[in-house]
Amino acid sequence: DAFKSQLKTPTQFHGGVEEIHFSQQTVRLVLTGITM
């Protein structure tokens, strides 16, 4: 949430996962939870 609050480009849901699409990049945000 803190990361997304700083973005100028909105995230999009793709297959239940949030992604950000820039001109030549796709960034996927993955929540794993705490601990290795």
PDB file of all heavy atoms in Angstrom:
ATOM      1  N   ASP A   1       0.826  -1.207   0.000  1.00  0.00           N
ATOM      2  CA  ASP A   1       0.000   0.000   0.000  1.00  0.00           C
ATOM      3  C   ASP A   1       0.865   1.264   0.000  1.00  0.00           C
ATOM      4  O   ASP A   1       0.562   2.221  -0.716  1.00  0.00           O
ATOM      5  CB  ASP A   1      -0.946   0.003   1.197  1.00  0.00           C
ATOM      6  CG  ASP A   1      -1.989  -1.106   1.119  1.00  0.00           C
ATOM      7  OD1 ASP A   1      -2.217  -1.651   0.007  1.00  0.00           O
ATOM      8  OD2 ASP A   1      -2.555  -1.446   2.180  1.00  0.00           O
ATOM      9  N   ALA A   2       1.933   1.268   0.795  1.00  0.00           N
ATOM     10  CA  ALA A   2       2.835   2.423   0.841  1.00  0.00           C
ATOM     11  C   ALA A   2       3.522   2.619  -0.505  1.00  0.00           C
ATOM     12  O   ALA A   2       3.661   3.742  -0.997  1.00  0.00           O
ATOM     13  CB  ALA A   2       3.870   2.236   1.948  1.00  0.00           C
ATOM     14  N   PHE A   3       3.930   1.517  -1.128  1.00  0.00           N
ATOM     15  CA  PHE A   3       4.572   1.578  -2.440  1.00  0.00           C
ATOM     16  C   PHE A   3       3.599   2.134  -3.481  1.00  0.00           C
ATOM     17  O   PHE A   3       3.926   3.045  -4.242  1.00  0.00           O
ATOM     18  CB  PHE A   3       5.050   0.181  -2.841  1.00  0.00           C
ATOM     19  CG  PHE A   3       5.698   0.118  -4.193  1.00  0.00           C
ATOM     20  CD1 PHE A   3       7.015   0.510  -4.360  1.00  0.00           C
ATOM     21  CD2 PHE A   3       4.993  -0.337  -5.292  1.00  0.00           C
ATOM     22  CE1 PHE A   3       7.619   0.457  -5.607  1.00  0.00           C
ATOM     23  CE2 PHE A   3       5.579  -0.396  -6.537  1.00  0.00           C
ATOM     24  CZ  PHE A   3       6.898   0.002  -6.703  1.00  0.00           C
ATOM     25  N   LYS A   4       2.385   1.604  -3.507  1.00  0.00           N
ATOM     26  CA  LYS A   4       1.394   2.039  -4.487  1.00  0.00           C
ATOM     27  C   LYS A   4       0.986   3.494  -4.291  1.00  0.00           C
ATOM     28  O   LYS A   4       0.639   4.174  -5.249  1.00  0.00           O
ATOM     29  CB  LYS A   4       0.160   1.147  -4.434  1.00  0.00           C
ATOM     30  CG  LYS A   4       0.412  -0.226  -4.983  1.00  0.00           C
ATOM     31  CD  LYS A   4      -0.781  -1.149  -5.054  1.00  0.00           C
ATOM     32  CE  LYS A   4      -2.001  -0.793  -4.307  1.00  0.00           C
ATOM     33  NZ  LYS A   4      -3.051  -1.804  -4.348  1.00  0.00           N
ATOM     34  N   SER A   5       1.039   3.983  -3.054  1.00  0.00           N
ATOM     35  CA  SER A   5       0.645   5.373  -2.802  1.00  0.00           C
ATOM     36  C   SER A   5       1.604   6.372  -3.450  1.00  0.00           C
ATOM     37  O   SER A   5       1.254   7.528  -3.633  1.00  0.00           O
ATOM     38  CB  SER A   5       0.555   5.637  -1.291  1.00  0.00           C
ATOM     39  OG  SER A   5       1.845   5.727  -0.725  1.00  0.00           O
ATOM     40  N   GLN A   6       2.806   5.912  -3.812  1.00  0.00           N
ATOM     41  CA  GLN A   6       3.791   6.787  -4.438  1.00  0.00           C
ATOM     42  C   GLN A   6       3.786   6.704  -5.961  1.00  0.00           C
ATOM     43  O   GLN A   6       4.507   7.428  -6.629  1.00  0.00           O
ATOM     44  CB  GLN A   6       5.194   6.433  -3.919  1.00  0.00           C
ATOM     45  CG  GLN A   6       5.342   6.589  -2.423  1.00  0.00           C
ATOM     46  CD  GLN A   6       5.028   8.000  -1.970  1.00  0.00           C
ATOM     47  OE1 GLN A   6       5.572   8.957  -2.493  1.00  0.00           O
ATOM     48  NE2 GLN A   6       4.133   8.139  -1.003  1.00  0.00           N
ATOM     49  N   LEU A   7       2.977   5.811  -6.520  1.00  0.00           N
ATOM     50  CA  LEU A   7       2.957   5.601  -7.966  1.00  0.00           C
ATOM     51  C   LEU A   7       2.099   6.637  -8.681  1.00  0.00           C
ATOM     52  O   LEU A   7       1.052   7.035  -8.183  1.00  0.00           O
ATOM     53  CB  LEU A   7       2.400   4.210  -8.294  1.00  0.00           C
ATOM     54  CG  LEU A   7       3.223   3.016  -7.861  1.00  0.00           C
ATOM     55  CD1 LEU A   7       2.454   1.721  -8.145  1.00  0.00           C
ATOM     56  CD2 LEU A   7       4.565   2.991  -8.571  1.00  0.00           C
ATOM     57  N   LYS A   8       2.527   7.005  -9.868  1.00  0.00           N
ATOM     58  CA  LYS A   8       1.714   7.855 -10.731  1.00  0.00           C
ATOM     59  C   LYS A   8       0.908   7.003 -11.701  1.00  0.00           C
ATOM     60  O   LYS A   8      -0.118   7.435 -12.214  1.00  0.00           O
ATOM     61  CB  LYS A   8       2.621   8.815 -11.480  1.00  0.00           C
ATOM     62  CG  LYS A   8       3.250   9.866 -10.589  1.00  0.00           C
ATOM     63  CD  LYS A   8       4.087  10.835 -11.394  1.00  0.00           C
ATOM     64  CE  LYS A   8       4.584  11.999 -10.596  1.00  0.00           C
ATOM     65  NZ  LYS A   8       5.461  11.724  -9.532  1.00  0.00           N
ATOM     66  N   THR A   9       1.381   5.781 -11.953  1.00  0.00           N
ATOM     67  CA  THR A   9       0.694   4.849 -12.844  1.00  0.00           C
ATOM     68  C   THR A   9      -0.158   3.901 -12.002  1.00  0.00           C
ATOM     69  O   THR A   9       0.353   3.269 -11.087  1.00  0.00           O
ATOM     70  CB  THR A   9       1.720   4.030 -13.652  1.00  0.00           C
ATOM     71  OG1 THR A   9       2.582   4.928 -14.347  1.00  0.00           O
ATOM     72  CG2 THR A   9       1.046   3.101 -14.626  1.00  0.00           C
ATOM     73  N   PRO A  10      -1.442   3.766 -12.300  1.00  0.00           N
ATOM     74  CA  PRO A  10      -2.288   2.865 -11.501  1.00  0.00           C
ATOM     75  C   PRO A  10      -1.953   1.391 -11.759  1.00  0.00           C
ATOM     76  O   PRO A  10      -1.490   1.025 -12.834  1.00  0.00           O
ATOM     77  CB  PRO A  10      -3.701   3.188 -11.977  1.00  0.00           C
ATOM     78  CG  PRO A  10      -3.524   3.762 -13.331  1.00  0.00           C
ATOM     79  CD  PRO A  10      -2.185   4.432 -13.361  1.00  0.00           C
ATOM     80  N   THR A  11      -2.198   0.570 -10.758  1.00  0.00           N
ATOM     81  CA  THR A  11      -1.998  -0.867 -10.924  1.00  0.00           C
ATOM     82  C   THR A  11      -3.226  -1.456 -11.606  1.00  0.00           C
ATOM     83  O   THR A  11      -4.321  -0.912 -11.532  1.00  0.00           O
ATOM     84  CB  THR A  11      -1.777  -1.576  -9.569  1.00  0.00           C
ATOM     85  OG1 THR A  11      -2.923  -1.373  -8.748  1.00  0.00           O
ATOM     86  CG2 THR A  11      -0.543  -1.057  -8.861  1.00  0.00           C
ATOM     87  N   GLN A  12      -3.012  -2.594 -12.258  1.00  0.00           N
ATOM     88  CA  GLN A  12      -4.097  -3.315 -12.919  1.00  0.00           C
ATOM     89  C   GLN A  12      -4.075  -4.745 -12.419  1.00  0.00           C
ATOM     90  O   GLN A  12      -3.009  -5.285 -12.119  1.00  0.00           O
ATOM     91  CB  GLN A  12      -3.903  -3.308 -14.435  1.00  0.00           C
ATOM     92  CG  GLN A  12      -3.868  -1.939 -15.036  1.00  0.00           C
ATOM     93  CD  GLN A  12      -3.489  -1.974 -16.516  1.00  0.00           C
ATOM     94  OE1 GLN A  12      -3.122  -2.995 -17.052  1.00  0.00           O
ATOM     95  NE2 GLN A  12      -3.592  -0.827 -17.156  1.00  0.00           N
ATOM     96  N   PHE A  13      -5.240  -5.362 -12.323  1.00  0.00           N
ATOM     97  CA  PHE A  13      -5.305  -6.766 -11.931  1.00  0.00           C
ATOM     98  C   PHE A  13      -5.225  -7.628 -13.173  1.00  0.00           C
ATOM     99  O   PHE A  13      -5.931  -7.389 -14.151  1.00  0.00           O
ATOM    100  CB  PHE A  13      -6.584  -7.062 -11.153  1.00  0.00           C
ATOM    101  CG  PHE A  13      -6.468  -6.708  -9.705  1.00  0.00           C
ATOM    102  CD1 PHE A  13      -6.886  -5.474  -9.254  1.00  0.00           C
ATOM    103  CD2 PHE A  13      -5.923  -7.609  -8.799  1.00  0.00           C
ATOM    104  CE1 PHE A  13      -6.762  -5.133  -7.918  1.00  0.00           C
ATOM    105  CE2 PHE A  13      -5.804  -7.280  -7.462  1.00  0.00           C
ATOM    106  CZ  PHE A  13      -6.220  -6.039  -7.020  1.00  0.00           C
ATOM    107  N   HIS A  14      -4.338  -8.595 -13.133  1.00  0.00           N
ATOM    108  CA  HIS A  14      -4.160  -9.537 -14.235  1.00  0.00           C
ATOM    109  C   HIS A  14      -4.105 -10.930 -13.632  1.00  0.00           C
ATOM    110  O   HIS A  14      -3.143 -11.289 -12.976  1.00  0.00           O
ATOM    111  CB  HIS A  14      -2.864  -9.223 -14.990  1.00  0.00           C
ATOM    112  CG  HIS A  14      -2.608 -10.119 -16.151  1.00  0.00           C
ATOM    113  ND1 HIS A  14      -2.211 -11.416 -16.007  1.00  0.00           N
ATOM    114  CD2 HIS A  14      -2.710  -9.906 -17.475  1.00  0.00           C
ATOM    115  CE1 HIS A  14      -2.062 -11.958 -17.188  1.00  0.00           C
ATOM    116  NE2 HIS A  14      -2.354 -11.058 -18.103  1.00  0.00           N
ATOM    117  N   GLY A  15      -5.156 -11.700 -13.795  1.00  0.00           N
ATOM    118  CA  GLY A  15      -5.187 -13.045 -13.221  1.00  0.00           C
ATOM    119  C   GLY A  15      -5.140 -13.046 -11.698  1.00  0.00           C
ATOM    120  O   GLY A  15      -4.546 -13.929 -11.090  1.00  0.00           O
ATOM    121  N   GLY A  16      -5.740 -12.028 -11.077  1.00  0.00           N
ATOM    122  CA  GLY A  16      -5.764 -11.951  -9.622  1.00  0.00           C
ATOM    123  C   GLY A  16      -4.500 -11.373  -9.009  1.00  0.00           C
ATOM    124  O   GLY A  16      -4.334 -11.350  -7.800  1.00  0.00           O
ATOM    125  N   VAL A  17      -3.581 -10.895  -9.838  1.00  0.00           N
ATOM    126  CA  VAL A  17      -2.316 -10.336  -9.365  1.00  0.00           C
ATOM    127  C   VAL A  17      -2.219  -8.894  -9.848  1.00  0.00           C
ATOM    128  O   VAL A  17      -2.584  -8.580 -10.976  1.00  0.00           O
ATOM    129  CB  VAL A  17      -1.113 -11.150  -9.923  1.00  0.00           C
ATOM    130  CG1 VAL A  17       0.199 -10.566  -9.465  1.00  0.00           C
ATOM    131  CG2 VAL A  17      -1.221 -12.597  -9.515  1.00  0.00           C
ATOM    132  N   GLU A  18      -1.702  -8.024  -8.986  1.00  0.00           N
ATOM    133  CA  GLU A  18      -1.547  -6.617  -9.371  1.00  0.00           C
ATOM    134  C   GLU A  18      -0.291  -6.424 -10.216  1.00  0.00           C
ATOM    135  O   GLU A  18       0.776  -6.930  -9.872  1.00  0.00           O
ATOM    136  CB  GLU A  18      -1.452  -5.729  -8.133  1.00  0.00           C
ATOM    137  CG  GLU A  18      -2.787  -5.500  -7.465  1.00  0.00           C
ATOM    138  CD  GLU A  18      -2.678  -4.501  -6.352  1.00  0.00           C
ATOM    139  OE1 GLU A  18      -2.219  -4.899  -5.280  1.00  0.00           O
ATOM    140  OE2 GLU A  18      -3.055  -3.330  -6.565  1.00  0.00           O
ATOM    141  N   GLU A  19      -0.445  -5.697 -11.301  1.00  0.00           N
ATOM    142  CA  GLU A  19       0.679  -5.387 -12.170  1.00  0.00           C
ATOM    143  C   GLU A  19       0.647  -3.914 -12.544  1.00  0.00           C
ATOM    144  O   GLU A  19      -0.406  -3.287 -12.559  1.00  0.00           O
ATOM    145  CB  GLU A  19       0.636  -6.227 -13.454  1.00  0.00           C
ATOM    146  CG  GLU A  19       0.892  -7.692 -13.217  1.00  0.00           C
ATOM    147  CD  GLU A  19       0.897  -8.513 -14.483  1.00  0.00           C
ATOM    148  OE1 GLU A  19       0.536  -7.999 -15.568  1.00  0.00           O
ATOM    149  OE2 GLU A  19       1.270  -9.690 -14.390  1.00  0.00           O
ATOM    150  N   ILE A  20       1.839  -3.386 -12.841  1.00  0.00           N
ATOM    151  CA  ILE A  20       1.989  -2.020 -13.310  1.00  0.00           C
ATOM    152  C   ILE A  20       2.627  -2.121 -14.685  1.00  0.00           C
ATOM    153  O   ILE A  20       3.636  -2.813 -14.860  1.00  0.00           O
ATOM    154  CB  ILE A  20       2.910  -1.203 -12.377  1.00  0.00           C
ATOM    155  CG1 ILE A  20       2.437  -1.313 -10.935  1.00  0.00           C
ATOM    156  CG2 ILE A  20       2.968   0.250 -12.824  1.00  0.00           C
ATOM    157  CD1 ILE A  20       3.494  -0.953  -9.933  1.00  0.00           C
ATOM    158  N   HIS A  21       2.041  -1.449 -15.656  1.00  0.00           N
ATOM    159  CA  HIS A  21       2.556  -1.500 -17.018  1.00  0.00           C
ATOM    160  C   HIS A  21       3.142  -0.147 -17.390  1.00  0.00           C
ATOM    161  O   HIS A  21       2.449   0.867 -17.381  1.00  0.00           O
ATOM    162  CB  HIS A  21       1.445  -1.885 -17.997  1.00  0.00           C
ATOM    163  CG  HIS A  21       0.863  -3.232 -17.699  1.00  0.00           C
ATOM    164  ND1 HIS A  21       1.470  -4.401 -18.079  1.00  0.00           N
ATOM    165  CD2 HIS A  21      -0.242  -3.595 -17.027  1.00  0.00           C
ATOM    166  CE1 HIS A  21       0.744  -5.428 -17.674  1.00  0.00           C
ATOM    167  NE2 HIS A  21      -0.301  -4.963 -17.014  1.00  0.00           N
ATOM    168  N   PHE A  22       4.446  -0.166 -17.669  1.00  0.00           N
ATOM    169  CA  PHE A  22       5.138   1.007 -18.176  1.00  0.00           C
ATOM    170  C   PHE A  22       5.437   0.755 -19.645  1.00  0.00           C
ATOM    171  O   PHE A  22       5.087  -0.292 -20.169  1.00  0.00           O
ATOM    172  CB  PHE A  22       6.438   1.235 -17.396  1.00  0.00           C
ATOM    173  CG  PHE A  22       6.226   1.492 -15.929  1.00  0.00           C
ATOM    174  CD1 PHE A  22       6.463   0.488 -15.004  1.00  0.00           C
ATOM    175  CD2 PHE A  22       5.790   2.724 -15.480  1.00  0.00           C
ATOM    176  CE1 PHE A  22       6.272   0.712 -13.652  1.00  0.00           C
ATOM    177  CE2 PHE A  22       5.590   2.951 -14.124  1.00  0.00           C
ATOM    178  CZ  PHE A  22       5.838   1.950 -13.215  1.00  0.00           C
ATOM    179  N   SER A  23       6.102   1.665 -20.304  1.00  0.00           N
ATOM    180  CA  SER A  23       6.313   1.542 -21.743  1.00  0.00           C
ATOM    181  C   SER A  23       6.981   0.217 -22.144  1.00  0.00           C
ATOM    182  O   SER A  23       6.488  -0.474 -23.017  1.00  0.00           O
ATOM    183  CB  SER A  23       7.136   2.721 -22.259  1.00  0.00           C
ATOM    184  OG  SER A  23       8.382   2.764 -21.607  1.00  0.00           O
ATOM    185  N   GLN A  24       8.067  -0.149 -21.527  1.00  0.00           N
ATOM    186  CA  GLN A  24       8.774  -1.378 -21.890  1.00  0.00           C
ATOM    187  C   GLN A  24       8.936  -2.328 -20.700  1.00  0.00           C
ATOM    188  O   GLN A  24       9.792  -3.209 -20.726  1.00  0.00           O
ATOM    189  CB  GLN A  24      10.161  -1.044 -22.461  1.00  0.00           C
ATOM    190  CG  GLN A  24      10.107  -0.311 -23.785  1.00  0.00           C
ATOM    191  CD  GLN A  24       9.473  -1.153 -24.880  1.00  0.00           C
ATOM    192  OE1 GLN A  24       9.747  -2.335 -25.018  1.00  0.00           O
ATOM    193  NE2 GLN A  24       8.591  -0.535 -25.661  1.00  0.00           N
ATOM    194  N   GLN A  25       8.135  -2.143 -19.659  1.00  0.00           N
ATOM    195  CA  GLN A  25       8.263  -2.967 -18.462  1.00  0.00           C
ATOM    196  C   GLN A  25       6.889  -3.343 -17.916  1.00  0.00           C
ATOM    197  O   GLN A  25       5.954  -2.562 -17.980  1.00  0.00           O
ATOM    198  CB  GLN A  25       9.015  -2.219 -17.359  1.00  0.00           C
ATOM    199  CG  GLN A  25      10.421  -1.862 -17.701  1.00  0.00           C
ATOM    200  CD  GLN A  25      11.082  -1.098 -16.583  1.00  0.00           C
ATOM    201  OE1 GLN A  25      10.715  -1.215 -15.425  1.00  0.00           O
ATOM    202  NE2 GLN A  25      12.068  -0.296 -16.915  1.00  0.00           N
ATOM    203  N   THR A  26       6.837  -4.541 -17.368  1.00  0.00           N
ATOM    204  CA  THR A  26       5.683  -4.960 -16.592  1.00  0.00           C
ATOM    205  C   THR A  26       6.201  -5.332 -15.211  1.00  0.00           C
ATOM    206  O   THR A  26       7.122  -6.142 -15.083  1.00  0.00           O
ATOM    207  CB  THR A  26       4.981  -6.180 -17.225  1.00  0.00           C
ATOM    208  OG1 THR A  26       4.527  -5.801 -18.521  1.00  0.00           O
ATOM    209  CG2 THR A  26       3.793  -6.618 -16.386  1.00  0.00           C
ATOM    210  N   VAL A  27       5.632  -4.718 -14.197  1.00  0.00           N
ATOM    211  CA  VAL A  27       6.051  -4.969 -12.813  1.00  0.00           C
ATOM    212  C   VAL A  27       4.896  -5.650 -12.089  1.00  0.00           C
ATOM    213  O   VAL A  27       3.785  -5.136 -12.049  1.00  0.00           O
ATOM    214  CB  VAL A  27       6.429  -3.654 -12.097  1.00  0.00           C
ATOM    215  CG1 VAL A  27       6.844  -3.926 -10.663  1.00  0.00           C
ATOM    216  CG2 VAL A  27       7.529  -2.929 -12.858  1.00  0.00           C
ATOM    217  N   ARG A  28       5.177  -6.802 -11.527  1.00  0.00           N
ATOM    218  CA  ARG A  28       4.164  -7.563 -10.783  1.00  0.00           C
ATOM    219  C   ARG A  28       4.443  -7.414  -9.294  1.00  0.00           C
ATOM    220  O   ARG A  28       5.576  -7.568  -8.840  1.00  0.00           O
ATOM    221  CB  ARG A  28       4.230  -9.036 -11.180  1.00  0.00           C
ATOM    222  CG  ARG A  28       3.193  -9.887 -10.481  1.00  0.00           C
ATOM    223  CD  ARG A  28       3.192 -11.294 -11.001  1.00  0.00           C
ATOM    224  NE  ARG A  28       2.473 -11.343 -12.273  1.00  0.00           N
ATOM    225  CZ  ARG A  28       2.088 -12.454 -12.866  1.00  0.00           C
ATOM    226  NH1 ARG A  28       2.365 -13.625 -12.326  1.00  0.00           N
ATOM    227  NH2 ARG A  28       1.435 -12.413 -14.000  1.00  0.00           N
ATOM    228  N   LEU A  29       3.402  -7.105  -8.517  1.00  0.00           N
ATOM    229  CA  LEU A  29       3.510  -6.963  -7.065  1.00  0.00           C
ATOM    230  C   LEU A  29       3.036  -8.256  -6.415  1.00  0.00           C
ATOM    231  O   LEU A  29       1.896  -8.662  -6.610  1.00  0.00           O
ATOM    232  CB  LEU A  29       2.668  -5.787  -6.578  1.00  0.00           C
ATOM    233  CG  LEU A  29       2.884  -4.450  -7.290  1.00  0.00           C
ATOM    234  CD1 LEU A  29       1.974  -3.384  -6.703  1.00  0.00           C
ATOM    235  CD2 LEU A  29       4.330  -4.024  -7.228  1.00  0.00           C
ATOM    236  N   VAL A  30       3.915  -8.894  -5.642  1.00  0.00           N
ATOM    237  CA  VAL A  30       3.596 -10.182  -5.028  1.00  0.00           C
ATOM    238  C   VAL A  30       3.716 -10.075  -3.514  1.00  0.00           C
ATOM    239  O   VAL A  30       4.744  -9.647  -2.992  1.00  0.00           O
ATOM    240  CB  VAL A  30       4.536 -11.300  -5.549  1.00  0.00           C
ATOM    241  CG1 VAL A  30       4.261 -12.607  -4.846  1.00  0.00           C
ATOM    242  CG2 VAL A  30       4.388 -11.458  -7.054  1.00  0.00           C
ATOM    243  N   LEU A  31       2.663 -10.461  -2.830  1.00  0.00           N
ATOM    244  CA  LEU A  31       2.641 -10.495  -1.369  1.00  0.00           C
ATOM    245  C   LEU A  31       2.914 -11.926  -0.921  1.00  0.00           C
ATOM    246  O   LEU A  31       2.154 -12.839  -1.240  1.00  0.00           O
ATOM    247  CB  LEU A  31       1.276 -10.035  -0.855  1.00  0.00           C
ATOM    248  CG  LEU A  31       1.070 -10.052   0.657  1.00  0.00           C
ATOM    249  CD1 LEU A  31       1.983  -9.032   1.326  1.00  0.00           C
ATOM    250  CD2 LEU A  31      -0.379  -9.756   0.979  1.00  0.00           C
ATOM    251  N   THR A  32       4.016 -12.136  -0.191  1.00  0.00           N
ATOM    252  CA  THR A  32       4.353 -13.487   0.264  1.00  0.00           C
ATOM    253  C   THR A  32       4.034 -13.709   1.730  1.00  0.00           C
ATOM    254  O   THR A  32       3.832 -14.831   2.152  1.00  0.00           O
ATOM    255  CB  THR A  32       5.846 -13.800   0.049  1.00  0.00           C
ATOM    256  OG1 THR A  32       6.618 -12.843   0.759  1.00  0.00           O
ATOM    257  CG2 THR A  32       6.195 -13.809  -1.421  1.00  0.00           C
ATOM    258  N   GLY A  33       4.035 -12.662   2.527  1.00  0.00           N
ATOM    259  CA  GLY A  33       3.897 -12.816   3.963  1.00  0.00           C
ATOM    260  C   GLY A  33       5.270 -12.778   4.622  1.00  0.00           C
ATOM    261  O   GLY A  33       6.299 -12.809   3.948  1.00  0.00           O
ATOM    262  N   ILE A  34       5.272 -12.745   5.918  1.00  0.00           N
ATOM    263  CA  ILE A  34       6.513 -12.599   6.678  1.00  0.00           C
ATOM    264  C   ILE A  34       7.207 -13.955   6.837  1.00  0.00           C
ATOM    265  O   ILE A  34       6.545 -14.973   6.983  1.00  0.00           O
ATOM    266  CB  ILE A  34       6.210 -11.968   8.055  1.00  0.00           C
ATOM    267  CG1 ILE A  34       5.620 -10.578   7.847  1.00  0.00           C
ATOM    268  CG2 ILE A  34       7.452 -11.899   8.931  1.00  0.00           C
ATOM    269  CD1 ILE A  34       5.072  -9.924   9.082  1.00  0.00           C
ATOM    270  N   THR A  35       8.477 -13.968   6.816  1.00  0.00           N
ATOM    271  CA  THR A  35       9.459 -15.050   6.971  1.00  0.00           C
ATOM    272  C   THR A  35       9.886 -15.625   5.630  1.00  0.00           C
ATOM    273  O   THR A  35       9.127 -15.640   4.660  1.00  0.00           O
ATOM    274  CB  THR A  35       9.038 -16.231   7.881  1.00  0.00           C
ATOM    275  OG1 THR A  35       8.198 -17.108   7.166  1.00  0.00           O
ATOM    276  CG2 THR A  35       8.403 -15.780   9.159  1.00  0.00           C
ATOM    277  N   MET A  36      11.113 -16.080   5.599  1.00  0.00           N
ATOM    278  CA  MET A  36      11.679 -16.689   4.392  1.00  0.00           C
ATOM    279  C   MET A  36      10.919 -17.938   3.986  1.00  0.00           C
ATOM    280  O   MET A  36      10.949 -18.341   2.831  1.00  0.00           O
ATOM    281  CB  MET A  36      13.130 -17.091   4.631  1.00  0.00           C
ATOM    282  CG  MET A  36      14.058 -15.955   4.904  1.00  0.00           C
ATOM    283  SD  MET A  36      15.781 -16.504   5.017  1.00  0.00           S
ATOM    284  CE  MET A  36      15.688 -17.926   6.079  1.00  0.00           C
TER     285      MET A  36
END
